[in-house]
N, C-alpha and C. Protein backbone atom coordinates (compact mmCIF):
# COMPACT_ATOMS: atom_id res chain seq x y z
N MET A 1 98.76 191.04 166.30
CA MET A 1 99.62 192.21 166.25
C MET A 1 99.92 193.06 164.87
N THR A 2 99.97 193.40 164.65
CA THR A 2 99.38 194.30 163.42
C THR A 2 101.62 193.70 162.93
N GLY A 3 101.04 194.22 160.88
CA GLY A 3 101.90 194.82 160.47
C GLY A 3 103.63 196.05 160.79
N ARG A 4 102.43 196.79 161.10
CA ARG A 4 102.69 198.04 161.83
C ARG A 4 103.89 198.24 163.42
N ALA A 5 102.87 197.35 164.47
CA ALA A 5 104.15 197.17 165.67
C ALA A 5 105.33 195.82 165.77
N LEU A 6 105.15 195.13 164.69
CA LEU A 6 106.15 194.49 164.35
C LEU A 6 106.90 195.32 163.66
N LEU A 7 106.81 195.99 163.01
CA LEU A 7 108.18 196.98 162.06
C LEU A 7 108.26 197.78 163.52
N ARG A 8 107.99 197.92 164.01
CA ARG A 8 108.62 199.40 165.39
C ARG A 8 108.93 198.65 166.21
N ILE A 9 109.33 197.56 167.09
CA ILE A 9 109.43 196.94 167.48
C ILE A 9 111.05 196.49 166.91
N ALA A 10 110.98 195.91 166.02
CA ALA A 10 111.95 195.21 164.73
C ALA A 10 113.75 196.48 164.67
N ALA A 11 112.36 197.14 164.88
CA ALA A 11 113.29 198.96 164.33
C ALA A 11 114.44 198.98 165.94
N GLY A 12 113.57 199.38 166.79
CA GLY A 12 113.54 199.33 167.92
C GLY A 12 115.00 198.35 168.18
N VAL A 13 114.53 197.99 168.31
CA VAL A 13 116.04 196.61 169.00
C VAL A 13 117.15 196.08 167.45
N GLU A 14 117.08 196.75 166.24
CA GLU A 14 118.01 196.76 165.35
C GLU A 14 119.11 198.11 166.26
N LEU A 15 117.94 199.03 166.44
CA LEU A 15 119.12 200.97 166.86
C LEU A 15 119.36 200.34 168.24
N GLY A 16 118.27 199.40 169.09
CA GLY A 16 118.76 199.58 170.39
C GLY A 16 120.41 198.64 170.34
N THR A 17 120.91 197.38 169.81
CA THR A 17 121.96 196.36 169.14
C THR A 17 122.89 197.24 169.29
N LEU A 18 121.90 198.13 167.85
CA LEU A 18 123.30 199.16 167.41
C LEU A 18 124.25 200.32 168.41
N ALA A 19 123.15 201.37 168.98
CA ALA A 19 123.80 201.86 169.91
C ALA A 19 124.55 200.70 171.05
N LEU A 20 124.27 199.28 171.26
CA LEU A 20 125.38 198.43 172.61
C LEU A 20 126.05 198.88 171.90
N LEU A 21 126.18 197.97 170.52
CA LEU A 21 127.51 197.26 169.59
C LEU A 21 128.65 199.03 170.01
N LEU A 22 127.96 200.32 169.13
CA LEU A 22 129.28 201.27 169.33
C LEU A 22 129.85 201.45 170.65
N LEU A 23 128.91 201.14 171.52
CA LEU A 23 128.98 202.03 172.34
C LEU A 23 129.97 200.09 172.99
N ASN A 24 129.93 199.69 173.66
CA ASN A 24 131.13 198.06 173.25
C ASN A 24 132.66 198.34 172.95
N MET A 25 132.12 199.01 171.05
CA MET A 25 133.14 199.55 170.36
C MET A 25 134.22 200.62 171.33
N PHE A 26 133.74 201.59 171.03
CA PHE A 26 134.42 202.92 171.68
C PHE A 26 134.60 202.91 173.46
N THR A 27 134.34 201.76 174.41
CA THR A 27 134.69 202.09 175.87
C THR A 27 135.33 201.08 176.06
N LEU A 28 134.33 199.05 176.19
CA LEU A 28 135.29 198.57 176.31
C LEU A 28 136.71 197.75 175.83
N ASP A 29 135.01 197.30 174.68
CA ASP A 29 135.74 196.62 173.61
C ASP A 29 135.65 194.78 173.65
N TRP A 30 134.79 194.40 174.63
CA TRP A 30 134.64 193.64 175.09
C TRP A 30 134.36 192.80 174.07
N PRO A 31 134.58 191.37 173.16
CA PRO A 31 135.10 190.27 172.10
C PRO A 31 133.27 189.38 172.31
N GLU A 32 132.82 189.67 173.86
CA GLU A 32 131.70 188.82 174.23
C GLU A 32 131.47 189.34 173.34
N VAL A 33 130.44 190.84 174.01
CA VAL A 33 129.80 191.75 173.89
C VAL A 33 129.45 191.79 172.11
N SER A 34 130.36 191.87 171.56
CA SER A 34 129.84 191.78 169.55
C SER A 34 130.24 190.46 169.49
N ARG A 35 130.35 189.61 170.41
CA ARG A 35 129.97 188.10 168.83
C ARG A 35 128.32 188.04 169.75
N ILE A 36 128.00 188.14 170.68
CA ILE A 36 126.36 188.52 170.93
C ILE A 36 126.27 189.13 170.23
N LEU A 37 126.11 190.21 170.19
CA LEU A 37 125.19 191.15 169.68
C LEU A 37 125.38 191.60 168.08
N GLY A 38 125.93 191.55 167.20
CA GLY A 38 126.37 191.37 166.56
C GLY A 38 125.97 190.32 166.17
N PRO A 39 125.20 189.01 165.60
CA PRO A 39 124.20 189.13 165.18
C PRO A 39 123.00 189.20 165.24
N VAL A 40 123.15 188.74 166.91
CA VAL A 40 120.78 189.87 166.71
C VAL A 40 120.70 191.08 166.62
N HIS A 41 121.86 191.74 166.09
CA HIS A 41 121.38 193.24 165.09
C HIS A 41 121.22 193.28 163.53
N GLY A 42 122.54 191.76 163.88
CA GLY A 42 122.12 191.89 162.26
C GLY A 42 120.51 190.21 161.77
N LEU A 43 120.13 190.01 162.91
CA LEU A 43 119.10 189.33 162.27
C LEU A 43 117.73 190.62 162.99
N ALA A 44 118.28 191.43 163.50
CA ALA A 44 117.01 192.58 163.49
C ALA A 44 116.91 193.33 162.23
N TYR A 45 118.67 193.37 161.78
CA TYR A 45 118.43 194.37 160.73
C TYR A 45 117.37 193.56 160.16
N ILE A 46 117.74 192.50 158.93
CA ILE A 46 116.99 191.84 158.00
C ILE A 46 115.53 192.29 158.61
N GLY A 47 115.29 191.46 159.91
CA GLY A 47 113.99 192.01 160.57
C GLY A 47 113.08 192.93 160.34
N THR A 48 113.80 194.05 160.66
CA THR A 48 113.20 195.81 160.26
C THR A 48 112.51 195.54 157.85
N ILE A 49 114.04 194.76 157.63
CA ILE A 49 113.07 195.65 156.17
C ILE A 49 112.74 194.64 155.53
N VAL A 50 112.45 193.35 156.08
CA VAL A 50 111.52 192.33 155.94
C VAL A 50 109.49 193.43 156.16
N CYS A 51 109.54 193.18 157.54
CA CYS A 51 108.54 194.13 158.24
C CYS A 51 108.28 194.84 157.50
N ALA A 52 109.25 195.68 157.01
CA ALA A 52 108.76 197.19 155.84
C ALA A 52 108.84 197.04 154.50
N ALA A 53 108.62 195.22 154.05
CA ALA A 53 108.02 195.29 152.67
C ALA A 53 106.93 194.74 153.53
N LEU A 54 107.04 193.91 154.37
CA LEU A 54 105.12 193.76 153.51
C LEU A 54 104.37 194.64 154.15
N THR A 55 104.52 195.25 155.44
CA THR A 55 103.62 196.66 155.93
C THR A 55 103.96 197.88 154.44
N ALA A 56 104.50 197.71 153.24
CA ALA A 56 104.55 198.50 152.97
C ALA A 56 103.51 199.01 151.69
N GLU A 57 102.60 197.54 150.95
CA GLU A 57 101.34 197.76 150.98
C GLU A 57 101.94 198.46 150.10
N GLY A 58 102.64 198.39 148.60
CA GLY A 58 102.94 198.51 147.59
C GLY A 58 104.14 199.87 146.89
N ARG A 59 104.24 200.04 148.21
CA ARG A 59 105.32 201.21 147.93
C ARG A 59 106.50 201.35 148.84
N TYR A 60 107.87 201.91 147.48
CA TYR A 60 108.64 201.94 147.59
C TYR A 60 109.42 201.63 148.59
N ARG A 61 108.69 203.46 149.47
CA ARG A 61 109.29 204.28 150.61
C ARG A 61 110.22 203.07 151.84
N PRO A 62 108.59 202.82 152.31
CA PRO A 62 109.07 201.93 153.08
C PRO A 62 110.45 201.37 153.29
N TRP A 63 110.56 200.41 152.29
CA TRP A 63 111.15 199.45 152.31
C TRP A 63 113.16 200.10 152.05
N LEU A 64 112.86 200.93 151.19
CA LEU A 64 113.64 201.63 150.94
C LEU A 64 114.58 201.92 152.26
N LEU A 65 113.61 203.16 153.02
CA LEU A 65 114.51 203.63 154.10
C LEU A 65 114.38 201.91 154.97
N ALA A 66 113.98 201.42 155.39
CA ALA A 66 114.10 199.90 156.29
C ALA A 66 115.68 199.39 155.67
N LEU A 67 116.31 199.74 155.06
CA LEU A 67 117.51 198.95 153.64
C LEU A 67 119.20 200.87 155.08
N ILE A 68 118.62 201.90 155.45
CA ILE A 68 119.01 202.42 156.14
C ILE A 68 120.16 201.69 157.45
N PRO A 69 120.78 201.37 157.31
CA PRO A 69 121.19 200.25 159.11
C PRO A 69 120.95 201.11 159.73
N GLY A 70 120.27 201.10 161.34
CA GLY A 70 120.08 201.33 162.73
C GLY A 70 118.52 202.98 162.10
N ILE A 71 119.07 203.22 161.73
CA ILE A 71 117.60 204.83 162.06
C ILE A 71 116.64 204.90 160.95
N GLY A 72 117.31 203.48 160.39
CA GLY A 72 116.52 203.35 158.65
C GLY A 72 114.93 202.25 159.00
N GLY A 73 114.98 201.96 159.89
CA GLY A 73 113.59 201.23 160.12
C GLY A 73 112.97 201.25 161.56
N VAL A 74 113.12 202.67 162.42
CA VAL A 74 112.18 204.14 162.91
C VAL A 74 112.38 204.61 161.93
N LEU A 75 112.35 205.64 160.52
CA LEU A 75 111.71 206.25 159.36
C LEU A 75 111.10 205.24 158.71
N ALA A 76 111.20 204.08 158.23
CA ALA A 76 109.94 203.14 157.71
C ALA A 76 108.87 203.08 158.42
N ALA A 77 108.29 202.83 159.74
CA ALA A 77 108.00 202.75 160.64
C ALA A 77 107.04 204.49 160.20
N ARG A 78 108.06 204.83 160.97
CA ARG A 78 107.04 206.80 160.78
C ARG A 78 106.43 207.16 159.69
N THR A 79 107.22 206.22 158.41
CA THR A 79 106.08 206.41 157.09
C THR A 79 105.07 206.39 156.79
N VAL A 80 105.49 204.81 157.47
CA VAL A 80 103.62 203.20 157.18
C VAL A 80 103.02 204.44 158.08
N HIS A 81 102.85 204.88 158.88
CA HIS A 81 102.42 205.11 159.99
C HIS A 81 101.66 206.91 159.43
N THR A 82 102.12 207.71 159.02
CA THR A 82 101.90 208.62 157.89
C THR A 82 101.55 208.74 156.75
N SER A 83 101.72 207.84 155.95
CA SER A 83 100.10 207.51 154.67
C SER A 83 99.27 206.72 155.23
N ARG A 84 98.95 205.98 156.25
CA ARG A 84 98.45 205.32 157.19
C ARG A 84 96.63 206.21 157.78
N VAL A 85 97.50 207.79 158.57
CA VAL A 85 96.47 209.25 158.12
C VAL A 85 96.76 209.38 157.21
N ASP A 86 97.01 209.29 156.24
CA ASP A 86 97.45 210.16 155.23
C ASP A 86 95.39 209.74 154.88
N GLN A 87 95.60 208.20 154.71
CA GLN A 87 95.13 207.82 154.13
C GLN A 87 93.72 207.65 154.27
N SER A 88 93.48 207.77 155.53
CA SER A 88 91.97 207.61 156.21
C SER A 88 91.21 208.89 156.29
N LEU A 89 91.95 210.47 156.33
CA LEU A 89 91.89 211.50 156.25
C LEU A 89 90.76 211.65 154.88
N SER A 90 91.73 211.37 153.21
CA SER A 90 90.91 211.49 152.02
C SER A 90 89.62 210.38 151.96
């Protein structure tokens, strides 16, 4: 599995857990859900930053974008993909 694929998975888990946490907060507000999803989201957030730093290949933009909670990992994955496509065209 490539680093970019791991970044996309981590970004998806981060975004999904954040959405579920917010949904829980604004609807039922069950503490058990927050108690379980909070650490999972935190781990996914850190994993997204690490994956973005490993796939950045010396560039700053992917891992700086990954620092944005929620959507940052998705933006970082798109940045890594776009830059690789640009490099293959030149």
